[in-house]
Amino acid sequence: MVCSEAGIVVTDYIDQATAVMTETANGGGRFKEVTLNPIVMVKEASMVSGAIDLHKKANKLCFIANSVNFPVLHVPQVKVTTLI
């Protein structure tokens, strides 16, 4: 949503999230922190910088980060879609 509003065309998005979990004494556990590692493909090289900048705004609007009581970090990569 944030990219489309800014005129940035996203052609693909994948993420391999990681998390840190702590175990409790009773054998249960909880997440301590989650890191989203999105790889965003954009249509043109001119869109890369803007897409990277928009991740700060996306982080504030992130429904996952706004739904949990631990930090959700973002480590984005933005690449240009290449046609073969």
C-alpha atoms as a PDB file:
ATOM      1  CA  MET A   1       0.000   0.000   0.000  1.00  0.00           C
ATOM      2  CA  VAL A   2       2.710   2.492   0.987  1.00  0.00           C
ATOM      3  CA  CYS A   3       4.690   1.900  -2.212  1.00  0.00           C
ATOM      4  CA  SER A   4       1.688   2.062  -4.532  1.00  0.00           C
ATOM      5  CA  GLU A   5       0.624   5.379  -3.005  1.00  0.00           C
ATOM      6  CA  ALA A   6       4.129   6.707  -3.777  1.00  0.00           C
ATOM      7  CA  GLY A   7       4.073   5.443  -7.378  1.00  0.00           C
ATOM      8  CA  ILE A   8       6.560   2.626  -6.728  1.00  0.00           C
ATOM      9  CA  VAL A   9       5.676  -0.548  -8.627  1.00  0.00           C
ATOM     10  CA  VAL A  10       6.452  -3.672  -6.579  1.00  0.00           C
ATOM     11  CA  THR A  11       6.722  -6.748  -8.775  1.00  0.00           C
ATOM     12  CA  ASP A  12       7.548  -9.305  -6.080  1.00  0.00           C
ATOM     13  CA  TYR A  13       7.922  -9.614  -2.321  1.00  0.00           C
ATOM     14  CA  ILE A  14       9.367 -12.434  -0.273  1.00  0.00           C
ATOM     15  CA  ASP A  15      10.362 -12.572   3.366  1.00  0.00           C
ATOM     16  CA  GLN A  16      12.313 -14.969   5.508  1.00  0.00           C
ATOM     17  CA  ALA A  17      11.530 -13.806   9.008  1.00  0.00           C
ATOM     18  CA  THR A  18      13.657 -14.829  11.968  1.00  0.00           C
ATOM     19  CA  ALA A  19      12.820 -14.721  15.656  1.00  0.00           C
ATOM     20  CA  VAL A  20      14.359 -14.964  19.092  1.00  0.00           C
ATOM     21  CA  MET A  21      12.360 -16.972  21.591  1.00  0.00           C
ATOM     22  CA  THR A  22      12.914 -17.475  25.298  1.00  0.00           C
ATOM     23  CA  GLU A  23      11.826 -20.536  27.228  1.00  0.00           C
ATOM     24  CA  THR A  24      10.075 -20.187  30.547  1.00  0.00           C
ATOM     25  CA  ALA A  25      10.755 -22.363  33.588  1.00  0.00           C
ATOM     26  CA  ASN A  26       7.545 -24.332  33.027  1.00  0.00           C
ATOM     27  CA  GLY A  27       8.599 -25.391  29.512  1.00  0.00           C
ATOM     28  CA  GLY A  28       6.559 -22.759  27.691  1.00  0.00           C
ATOM     29  CA  GLY A  29       8.014 -19.806  25.876  1.00  0.00           C
ATOM     30  CA  ARG A  30       7.490 -16.490  24.198  1.00  0.00           C
ATOM     31  CA  PHE A  31       8.978 -14.477  21.416  1.00  0.00           C
ATOM     32  CA  LYS A  32      11.469 -11.862  22.501  1.00  0.00           C
ATOM     33  CA  GLU A  33      11.995 -10.287  19.066  1.00  0.00           C
ATOM     34  CA  VAL A  34      11.140 -10.874  15.405  1.00  0.00           C
ATOM     35  CA  THR A  35      13.059  -9.603  12.399  1.00  0.00           C
ATOM     36  CA  LEU A  36      11.386  -9.344   9.012  1.00  0.00           C
ATOM     37  CA  ASN A  37      13.836  -9.638   6.115  1.00  0.00           C
ATOM     38  CA  PRO A  38      11.807  -8.567   3.112  1.00  0.00           C
ATOM     39  CA  ILE A  39      13.249  -8.715  -0.366  1.00  0.00           C
ATOM     40  CA  VAL A  40      11.226  -6.339  -2.489  1.00  0.00           C
ATOM     41  CA  MET A  41      11.503  -6.299  -6.263  1.00  0.00           C
ATOM     42  CA  VAL A  42      10.609  -3.017  -7.969  1.00  0.00           C
ATOM     43  CA  LYS A  43       9.989  -2.255 -11.630  1.00  0.00           C
ATOM     44  CA  GLU A  44      12.705   0.364 -12.189  1.00  0.00           C
ATOM     45  CA  ALA A  45      16.069   1.322 -10.687  1.00  0.00           C
ATOM     46  CA  SER A  46      14.742   4.827 -10.004  1.00  0.00           C
ATOM     47  CA  MET A  47      12.310   3.302  -7.485  1.00  0.00           C
ATOM     48  CA  VAL A  48      14.904   1.598  -5.249  1.00  0.00           C
ATOM     49  CA  SER A  49      15.812   4.560  -3.037  1.00  0.00           C
ATOM     50  CA  GLY A  50      12.199   5.540  -2.469  1.00  0.00           C
ATOM     51  CA  ALA A  51      11.222   1.978  -1.608  1.00  0.00           C
ATOM     52  CA  ILE A  52      14.017   1.737   0.961  1.00  0.00           C
ATOM     53  CA  ASP A  53      12.958   5.043   2.521  1.00  0.00           C
ATOM     54  CA  LEU A  54       9.328   3.884   2.720  1.00  0.00           C
ATOM     55  CA  HIS A  55      10.256   0.909   4.881  1.00  0.00           C
ATOM     56  CA  LYS A  56      10.499   3.274   7.859  1.00  0.00           C
ATOM     57  CA  LYS A  57       6.876   4.302   7.318  1.00  0.00           C
ATOM     58  CA  ALA A  58       5.827   0.709   6.637  1.00  0.00           C
ATOM     59  CA  ASN A  59       7.431  -0.360   9.916  1.00  0.00           C
ATOM     60  CA  LYS A  60       5.257   2.118  11.825  1.00  0.00           C
ATOM     61  CA  LEU A  61       2.134   0.881  10.017  1.00  0.00           C
ATOM     62  CA  CYS A  62       3.035  -2.831  10.208  1.00  0.00           C
ATOM     63  CA  PHE A  63       0.026  -4.826  11.402  1.00  0.00           C
ATOM     64  CA  ILE A  64       2.296  -7.510  12.855  1.00  0.00           C
ATOM     65  CA  ALA A  65       4.392  -5.006  14.835  1.00  0.00           C
ATOM     66  CA  ASN A  66       1.250  -3.252  16.034  1.00  0.00           C
ATOM     67  CA  SER A  67      -0.323  -6.526  17.199  1.00  0.00           C
ATOM     68  CA  VAL A  68       2.367  -7.943  19.465  1.00  0.00           C
ATOM     69  CA  ASN A  69       4.186  -6.898  22.638  1.00  0.00           C
ATOM     70  CA  PHE A  70       7.751  -7.413  21.420  1.00  0.00           C
ATOM     71  CA  PRO A  71       9.898  -5.570  18.862  1.00  0.00           C
ATOM     72  CA  VAL A  72       9.410  -6.354  15.184  1.00  0.00           C
ATOM     73  CA  LEU A  73      12.451  -5.171  13.242  1.00  0.00           C
ATOM     74  CA  HIS A  74      12.726  -4.723   9.486  1.00  0.00           C
ATOM     75  CA  VAL A  75      15.897  -5.343   7.457  1.00  0.00           C
ATOM     76  CA  PRO A  76      14.757  -4.628   3.895  1.00  0.00           C
ATOM     77  CA  GLN A  77      16.455  -5.282   0.599  1.00  0.00           C
ATOM     78  CA  VAL A  78      15.148  -3.656  -2.552  1.00  0.00           C
ATOM     79  CA  LYS A  79      16.154  -4.906  -5.985  1.00  0.00           C
ATOM     80  CA  VAL A  80      15.180  -4.165  -9.551  1.00  0.00           C
ATOM     81  CA  THR A  81      13.215  -6.770 -11.450  1.00  0.00           C
ATOM     82  CA  THR A  82      15.287  -8.079 -14.330  1.00  0.00           C
ATOM     83  CA  LEU A  83      13.737  -9.524 -17.412  1.00  0.00           C
ATOM     84  CA  ILE A  84      15.364 -12.560 -18.961  1.00  0.00           C
END
